[in-house]
Amino acid sequence: MRSRLAAASVAALALAALTACSSAVGSQPPPTTAGGSTSGGGGQAVKIAFLMPCSTCADRFEGKDKPYFTDAVKALDPNATVIANNAQGSADTQLQQAESALTNGAKVIVISPYTAQAGASIVEKAHADGAKVLAYDGNIEGAAPDGYISFENETVGQLQGQYLLDNLKDGATVVMINGDTTSAPGKAFKAGAHKVLDPAFASGKLKLGYESDTAGFDPATGQRSMEQALTTLNDKVDAVLAPNDGLATAAITALTARQLNGKVLVTGQDATDSGLTSIVLGDQSMTVYKSIHDEATTAAKLALALATGDDATFKATATQSVNNGSGDIPSVLLKPVAVTKSNIADTVIKDGFTTKAKICVDAAASKCPL
């Protein structure tokens, strides 16, 4: 009897330790209320994994996507649990996080895959476990997730390319510091930019002076590429096509070292506070705003519908379709918006995405148009 009691005590302690070490957000859901909320099979509270790729890709994933998604899930189902993790630039880590979430009972994995291909393994493991997968912000290749929500990512690159085309003189030299093209979004950003700029390069209206891809969207790598571009071109650069604000800042750092900041057009994306400040200062020319709040809250709605078998809500929300090579994926594609100094107030400020106080700081305070 004592040995059985001792074994039971050890098992209980092990379970308590595992629970304490869990990385789940809201891992202790509130008690079920009368009338109940949506739940998984057997009346258990829904568990949803929210897996982000890396912090260097964009700081938005931790600062905006995760809290927006978690809050939206809780608003729709107070008893639901969100298991939130960030792979920090490792496809292997992201796979391990997915496996752990499935072991802990996740019925849906919402994933922004670190690489499009790595996401396929997660889809296969989830489906084998009876769980669903919602691709978030970037699609998956090599397997068919149950749904996909993102922005029109090629449009992001097209907006950036069109800005340069509209604002550069004939014969201007462009440097392209692309993002990570092993990711679906990075590939789409680059394709969209080339779709707009390639005809101008072919005709001689613009010159492509230098181009490189940036693994993990890493700013340090991007800065080195920009420095190499400046050296190669003897500082004869008129514009930098950077796919996001992190790489835009890296390019601006390299330009500033050669006293070229503010003299070279620089694009960006994500409408970060630092990127918007750079726009006010004149060092960055534009950014692309994506309503992450809309993306995350819609993803929460889709994830809960998948978790609870609410096909009517899912179909009414995911009204578009994207073929990822493995099938036609029910999708929601949101529209990005170009932001310059002239429309900051009418876009990111008006939407409550950020505030004047966060943008107009230090040297930008005296130049703020808001």
Protein backbone atom coordinates (compact mmCIF):
# COMPACT_ATOMS: atom_id res chain seq x y z
CA MET A 1 0.00 0.00 0.00
CA ARG A 2 2.77 2.43 0.95
CA SER A 3 4.59 1.77 -2.32
CA ARG A 4 1.40 2.47 -4.28
CA LEU A 5 0.80 5.70 -2.33
CA ALA A 6 4.40 6.74 -2.86
CA ALA A 7 4.15 6.08 -6.58
CA ALA A 8 0.95 8.09 -6.76
CA SER A 9 2.59 10.98 -4.93
CA VAL A 10 5.56 10.97 -7.31
CA ALA A 11 3.23 10.96 -10.31
CA ALA A 12 1.23 13.86 -8.86
CA LEU A 13 4.39 15.87 -8.25
CA ALA A 14 5.60 15.19 -11.78
CA LEU A 15 2.29 16.33 -13.21
CA ALA A 16 2.40 19.51 -11.12
CA ALA A 17 5.92 20.26 -12.30
CA LEU A 18 4.95 19.74 -15.92
CA THR A 19 2.01 22.08 -15.53
CA ALA A 20 4.14 24.74 -13.85
CA CYS A 21 6.70 24.61 -16.68
CA SER A 22 4.12 24.88 -19.44
CA SER A 23 4.58 27.82 -21.80
CA ALA A 24 0.84 28.08 -22.40
CA VAL A 25 -0.71 31.50 -22.21
CA GLY A 26 -3.64 31.23 -19.82
CA SER A 27 -2.68 27.65 -18.95
CA GLN A 28 -5.08 27.73 -16.02
CA PRO A 29 -8.45 28.45 -17.67
CA PRO A 30 -11.26 29.77 -15.50
CA PRO A 31 -13.91 27.28 -14.36
CA THR A 32 -16.68 26.47 -16.81
CA THR A 33 -19.65 28.70 -16.21
CA ALA A 34 -23.27 27.73 -16.29
CA GLY A 35 -24.52 27.43 -19.83
CA GLY A 36 -20.98 26.50 -20.85
CA SER A 37 -18.73 27.86 -23.54
CA THR A 38 -17.60 26.17 -26.70
CA SER A 39 -15.57 23.11 -25.90
CA GLY A 40 -13.81 20.18 -27.45
CA GLY A 41 -14.87 16.60 -27.26
CA GLY A 42 -15.84 15.27 -23.85
CA GLY A 43 -16.75 18.72 -22.58
CA GLN A 44 -13.12 19.72 -22.14
CA ALA A 45 -12.08 23.31 -22.71
CA VAL A 46 -10.61 24.06 -26.14
CA LYS A 47 -6.83 24.29 -26.47
CA ILE A 48 -5.31 26.16 -29.41
CA ALA A 49 -1.60 26.51 -30.19
CA PHE A 50 -0.34 29.81 -31.59
CA LEU A 51 3.14 29.29 -33.03
CA MET A 52 5.20 32.22 -34.31
CA PRO A 53 8.42 31.92 -36.36
CA CYS A 54 10.94 34.37 -34.90
CA SER A 55 11.42 37.78 -33.34
CA THR A 56 13.96 38.93 -35.94
CA CYS A 57 11.37 38.33 -38.69
CA ALA A 58 9.33 41.17 -37.19
CA ASP A 59 8.79 42.36 -33.62
CA ARG A 60 5.04 42.44 -34.33
CA PHE A 61 4.68 38.71 -33.59
CA GLU A 62 5.32 39.10 -29.86
CA GLY A 63 4.13 42.67 -29.45
CA LYS A 64 0.89 42.55 -31.42
CA ASP A 65 -0.08 39.22 -33.00
CA LYS A 66 0.19 37.14 -29.82
CA PRO A 67 -1.75 39.47 -27.49
CA TYR A 68 -4.36 40.27 -30.15
CA PHE A 69 -4.93 36.58 -30.87
CA THR A 70 -5.01 35.55 -27.22
CA ASP A 71 -7.43 38.34 -26.29
CA ALA A 72 -9.69 37.50 -29.23
CA VAL A 73 -9.85 33.82 -28.31
CA LYS A 74 -10.66 34.67 -24.70
CA ALA A 75 -13.35 37.13 -25.79
CA LEU A 76 -15.01 34.41 -27.89
CA ASP A 77 -14.48 31.61 -25.36
CA PRO A 78 -13.31 32.57 -21.85
CA ASN A 79 -12.56 28.93 -21.05
CA ALA A 80 -10.26 28.35 -23.99
CA THR A 81 -6.49 27.96 -23.55
CA VAL A 82 -3.92 29.44 -25.93
CA ILE A 83 -0.52 27.74 -26.01
CA ALA A 84 1.71 30.47 -27.44
CA ASN A 85 5.31 29.88 -28.51
CA ASN A 86 7.95 31.49 -30.71
CA ALA A 87 10.44 29.30 -32.60
CA GLN A 88 13.05 32.09 -32.64
CA GLY A 89 14.32 31.20 -36.08
CA SER A 90 14.43 27.40 -35.84
CA ALA A 91 12.22 25.12 -37.93
CA ASP A 92 13.19 22.21 -35.66
CA THR A 93 12.12 24.15 -32.58
CA GLN A 94 8.81 25.04 -34.20
CA LEU A 95 8.16 21.37 -34.97
CA GLN A 96 8.96 20.44 -31.37
CA GLN A 97 6.61 23.16 -30.12
CA ALA A 98 3.84 21.79 -32.33
CA GLU A 99 4.42 18.25 -31.09
CA SER A 100 4.33 19.47 -27.49
CA ALA A 101 1.08 21.36 -28.09
CA LEU A 102 -0.52 18.26 -29.61
CA THR A 103 0.63 16.17 -26.66
CA ASN A 104 -0.97 18.73 -24.36
CA GLY A 105 -4.30 18.46 -26.16
CA ALA A 106 -4.28 21.26 -28.75
CA LYS A 107 -7.12 20.73 -31.22
CA VAL A 108 -5.95 23.45 -33.59
CA ILE A 109 -2.45 24.70 -34.42
CA VAL A 110 -2.32 28.26 -35.73
CA ILE A 111 1.11 28.62 -37.25
CA SER A 112 3.16 31.21 -39.04
CA PRO A 113 5.67 28.70 -40.43
CA TYR A 114 9.36 29.58 -40.16
CA THR A 115 9.76 27.98 -43.57
CA ALA A 116 6.92 27.07 -45.89
CA GLN A 117 8.24 23.52 -46.22
CA ALA A 118 8.74 22.93 -42.49
CA GLY A 119 5.07 23.67 -41.95
CA ALA A 120 4.19 20.55 -43.95
CA SER A 121 5.55 18.24 -41.24
CA ILE A 122 3.40 20.03 -38.68
CA VAL A 123 0.30 19.60 -40.84
CA GLU A 124 1.00 15.87 -41.19
CA LYS A 125 1.55 15.38 -37.46
CA ALA A 126 -1.54 17.42 -36.54
CA HIS A 127 -3.79 15.56 -38.95
CA ALA A 128 -2.46 12.21 -37.71
CA ASP A 129 -3.42 13.37 -34.21
CA GLY A 130 -6.91 14.44 -35.30
CA ALA A 131 -6.07 18.15 -34.98
CA LYS A 132 -6.51 20.99 -37.48
CA VAL A 133 -3.98 23.51 -38.81
CA LEU A 134 -4.56 27.16 -39.70
CA ALA A 135 -1.67 28.74 -41.62
CA TYR A 136 -1.19 32.28 -40.35
CA ASP A 137 0.46 35.19 -42.20
CA GLY A 138 2.35 32.80 -44.49
CA ASN A 139 1.16 29.71 -46.30
CA ILE A 140 2.49 26.17 -46.05
CA GLU A 141 3.89 24.17 -48.96
CA GLY A 142 3.96 20.39 -49.33
CA ALA A 143 0.78 19.72 -47.37
CA ALA A 144 -2.73 21.14 -47.16
CA PRO A 145 -3.59 23.04 -43.98
CA ASP A 146 -7.27 23.34 -43.08
CA GLY A 147 -7.30 27.09 -43.57
CA TYR A 148 -5.11 30.09 -44.33
CA ILE A 149 -5.29 33.70 -43.22
CA SER A 150 -2.90 36.41 -44.29
CA PHE A 151 -2.59 39.58 -46.27
CA GLU A 152 -2.15 39.79 -50.00
CA ASN A 153 1.59 39.36 -49.64
CA GLU A 154 2.49 39.92 -53.28
CA THR A 155 0.57 43.19 -53.01
CA VAL A 156 2.97 44.27 -50.26
CA GLY A 157 5.91 43.99 -52.66
CA GLN A 158 3.91 45.63 -55.43
CA LEU A 159 3.12 48.64 -53.20
CA GLN A 160 6.81 49.01 -52.36
CA GLY A 161 7.92 48.64 -55.97
CA GLN A 162 5.26 51.03 -57.22
CA TYR A 163 6.35 53.67 -54.70
CA LEU A 164 9.88 53.55 -56.11
CA LEU A 165 8.64 53.56 -59.68
CA ASP A 166 6.50 56.63 -58.98
CA ASN A 167 9.18 58.58 -57.12
CA LEU A 168 12.48 57.84 -58.87
CA LYS A 169 13.97 59.63 -61.85
CA ASP A 170 14.85 57.73 -65.00
CA GLY A 171 18.15 55.88 -64.70
CA ALA A 172 18.00 55.66 -60.89
CA THR A 173 19.85 52.77 -59.21
CA VAL A 174 17.88 50.45 -56.92
CA VAL A 175 19.23 48.07 -54.30
CA MET A 176 16.96 45.19 -53.25
CA ILE A 177 17.60 43.81 -49.76
CA ASN A 178 14.98 41.07 -49.84
CA GLY A 179 13.72 39.05 -46.90
CA ASP A 180 13.89 35.32 -46.30
CA THR A 181 12.73 33.63 -49.50
CA THR A 182 12.46 30.22 -47.83
CA SER A 183 9.34 31.63 -46.15
CA ALA A 184 6.12 32.01 -48.12
CA PRO A 185 5.71 35.72 -47.22
CA GLY A 186 9.34 36.54 -48.07
CA LYS A 187 9.01 34.82 -51.42
CA ALA A 188 5.75 36.67 -52.13
CA PHE A 189 7.14 40.10 -51.12
CA LYS A 190 10.06 39.62 -53.52
CA ALA A 191 7.83 38.36 -56.35
CA GLY A 192 5.46 41.31 -55.97
CA ALA A 193 8.29 43.85 -56.06
CA HIS A 194 9.85 42.26 -59.13
CA LYS A 195 6.48 42.14 -60.89
CA VAL A 196 6.39 45.94 -60.74
CA LEU A 197 10.08 46.74 -61.13
CA ASP A 198 11.29 44.17 -63.68
CA PRO A 199 9.75 45.97 -66.67
CA ALA A 200 11.52 49.17 -65.56
CA PHE A 201 14.81 47.28 -65.16
CA ALA A 202 14.39 45.68 -68.59
CA SER A 203 13.66 49.00 -70.31
CA GLY A 204 16.50 50.86 -68.61
CA LYS A 205 14.13 53.24 -66.85
CA LEU A 206 15.63 51.95 -63.57
CA LYS A 207 18.80 50.01 -62.83
CA LEU A 208 19.03 47.06 -60.46
CA GLY A 209 22.42 47.71 -58.92
CA TYR A 210 22.53 45.02 -56.25
CA GLU A 211 20.22 42.34 -54.83
CA SER A 212 20.44 39.88 -51.95
CA ASP A 213 18.12 37.72 -49.86
CA THR A 214 18.23 37.84 -46.07
CA ALA A 215 17.88 34.62 -44.08
CA GLY A 216 15.45 35.03 -41.19
CA PHE A 217 14.90 38.69 -42.15
CA ASP A 218 17.88 39.29 -39.86
CA PRO A 219 18.71 43.03 -39.62
CA ALA A 220 22.42 42.43 -38.94
CA THR A 221 22.68 40.37 -42.13
CA GLY A 222 20.70 42.99 -44.00
CA GLN A 223 23.01 45.75 -42.82
CA ARG A 224 26.05 43.84 -44.05
CA SER A 225 24.36 43.36 -47.42
CA MET A 226 23.61 47.07 -47.65
CA GLU A 227 27.20 47.94 -46.78
CA GLN A 228 28.38 45.57 -49.51
CA ALA A 229 25.98 47.17 -51.97
CA LEU A 230 27.30 50.64 -51.18
CA THR A 231 30.88 49.47 -51.60
CA THR A 232 30.10 47.71 -54.88
CA LEU A 233 28.24 50.72 -56.26
CA ASN A 234 30.62 53.38 -54.89
CA ASP A 235 27.71 54.87 -52.92
CA LYS A 236 25.77 55.51 -56.14
CA VAL A 237 22.39 54.37 -54.79
CA ASP A 238 19.07 56.12 -55.24
CA ALA A 239 16.67 53.69 -53.55
CA VAL A 240 16.53 50.61 -51.33
CA LEU A 241 13.70 48.12 -51.64
CA ALA A 242 13.54 46.69 -48.10
CA PRO A 243 10.65 44.30 -47.41
CA ASN A 244 10.04 45.31 -43.79
CA ASP A 245 10.89 48.03 -41.29
CA GLY A 246 13.57 45.91 -39.59
CA LEU A 247 15.57 45.62 -42.80
CA ALA A 248 14.77 49.23 -43.65
CA THR A 249 16.36 50.30 -40.37
CA ALA A 250 19.39 48.13 -41.16
CA ALA A 251 19.73 49.82 -44.56
CA ILE A 252 19.33 53.27 -43.00
CA THR A 253 22.09 52.48 -40.49
CA ALA A 254 24.44 51.65 -43.37
CA LEU A 255 23.37 54.75 -45.29
CA THR A 256 23.81 56.99 -42.24
CA ALA A 257 27.41 55.83 -41.84
CA ARG A 258 28.05 57.30 -45.31
CA GLN A 259 25.89 60.38 -44.76
CA LEU A 260 23.34 59.19 -47.30
CA ASN A 261 20.32 58.86 -44.99
CA GLY A 262 17.45 61.03 -46.15
CA LYS A 263 18.95 61.17 -49.67
CA VAL A 264 18.00 57.63 -50.65
CA LEU A 265 14.43 56.31 -50.87
CA VAL A 266 13.84 53.37 -48.51
CA THR A 267 10.72 51.20 -48.34
CA GLY A 268 9.46 49.11 -45.42
CA GLN A 269 6.57 47.15 -43.98
CA ASP A 270 4.71 46.57 -40.70
CA ALA A 271 4.28 50.24 -39.74
CA THR A 272 6.41 49.81 -36.63
CA ASP A 273 6.75 52.80 -34.33
CA SER A 274 10.46 53.04 -35.15
CA GLY A 275 9.74 52.79 -38.87
CA LEU A 276 7.10 55.51 -38.66
CA THR A 277 9.53 57.69 -36.70
CA SER A 278 12.08 57.21 -39.47
CA ILE A 279 9.44 58.29 -41.99
CA VAL A 280 8.75 61.46 -40.00
CA LEU A 281 12.50 62.15 -39.89
CA GLY A 282 12.79 61.60 -43.64
CA ASP A 283 15.19 58.64 -43.43
CA GLN A 284 12.56 56.11 -44.53
CA SER A 285 10.16 56.88 -47.35
CA MET A 286 7.21 54.57 -46.80
CA THR A 287 5.99 51.48 -45.02
CA VAL A 288 3.17 49.04 -45.62
CA TYR A 289 0.49 48.87 -42.96
CA LYS A 290 -1.32 45.63 -42.31
CA SER A 291 -4.11 45.58 -39.75
CA ILE A 292 -2.67 42.86 -37.54
CA HIS A 293 -5.62 43.28 -35.20
CA ASP A 294 -7.99 42.22 -38.00
CA GLU A 295 -5.73 39.33 -38.95
CA ALA A 296 -5.35 38.00 -35.40
CA THR A 297 -9.00 38.39 -34.41
CA THR A 298 -10.20 36.72 -37.61
CA ALA A 299 -7.69 33.91 -37.01
CA ALA A 300 -9.13 33.42 -33.53
CA LYS A 301 -12.63 33.11 -34.99
CA LEU A 302 -11.46 30.57 -37.57
CA ALA A 303 -9.44 28.57 -35.04
CA LEU A 304 -12.35 28.22 -32.63
CA ALA A 305 -14.64 27.24 -35.48
CA LEU A 306 -12.17 24.52 -36.49
CA ALA A 307 -11.77 23.37 -32.90
CA THR A 308 -15.50 23.03 -32.29
CA GLY A 309 -16.60 21.77 -35.69
CA ASP A 310 -18.52 24.95 -36.45
CA ASP A 311 -18.41 24.52 -40.21
CA ALA A 312 -21.00 27.23 -40.87
CA THR A 313 -18.91 29.95 -39.19
CA PHE A 314 -15.71 28.74 -40.81
CA LYS A 315 -17.18 28.70 -44.32
CA ALA A 316 -18.87 32.06 -43.85
CA THR A 317 -15.52 33.60 -42.82
CA ALA A 318 -13.01 31.86 -45.11
CA THR A 319 -14.74 32.79 -48.36
CA GLN A 320 -11.60 32.91 -50.53
CA SER A 321 -9.36 30.13 -51.78
CA VAL A 322 -5.60 29.81 -52.34
CA ASN A 323 -3.96 26.84 -54.06
CA ASN A 324 -0.69 26.03 -52.28
CA GLY A 325 0.26 23.20 -54.63
CA SER A 326 -1.36 20.58 -52.43
CA GLY A 327 -4.94 21.75 -52.76
CA ASP A 328 -7.31 24.68 -52.64
CA ILE A 329 -7.09 26.08 -49.12
CA PRO A 330 -10.09 27.99 -47.66
CA SER A 331 -8.63 31.44 -47.05
CA VAL A 332 -9.02 34.99 -45.80
CA LEU A 333 -6.78 37.52 -47.55
CA LEU A 334 -6.69 41.04 -46.13
CA LYS A 335 -5.52 44.13 -48.01
CA PRO A 336 -2.31 46.00 -47.08
CA VAL A 337 -2.06 49.79 -47.29
CA ALA A 338 0.88 52.01 -48.27
CA VAL A 339 1.77 54.59 -45.61
CA THR A 340 3.84 57.73 -46.14
CA LYS A 341 4.36 60.83 -44.05
CA SER A 342 1.25 62.37 -45.61
CA ASN A 343 -1.25 59.71 -44.50
CA ILE A 344 0.05 58.45 -41.14
CA ALA A 345 -2.80 60.20 -39.34
CA ASP A 346 -5.45 58.71 -41.63
CA THR A 347 -4.19 55.14 -41.40
CA VAL A 348 -2.30 53.82 -38.38
CA ILE A 349 -3.35 56.60 -36.01
CA LYS A 350 -7.00 56.54 -37.07
CA ASP A 351 -7.13 52.75 -36.66
CA GLY A 352 -5.65 52.94 -33.17
CA PHE A 353 -2.66 50.84 -34.29
CA THR A 354 -0.28 53.32 -32.67
CA THR A 355 -0.26 56.88 -31.34
CA LYS A 356 1.39 60.19 -32.08
CA ALA A 357 3.16 60.00 -28.73
CA LYS A 358 4.90 56.78 -29.77
CA ILE A 359 5.94 58.06 -33.20
CA CYS A 360 6.86 61.70 -32.64
CA VAL A 361 9.73 61.21 -30.24
CA ASP A 362 13.13 62.84 -29.84
CA ALA A 363 14.31 64.48 -33.08
CA ALA A 364 11.04 63.53 -34.81
CA ALA A 365 8.96 65.57 -32.38
CA SER A 366 9.68 68.86 -34.11
CA LYS A 367 9.00 67.41 -37.56
CA CYS A 368 5.83 65.56 -36.72
CA PRO A 369 2.97 66.36 -39.13
CA LEU A 370 0.28 64.80 -36.93
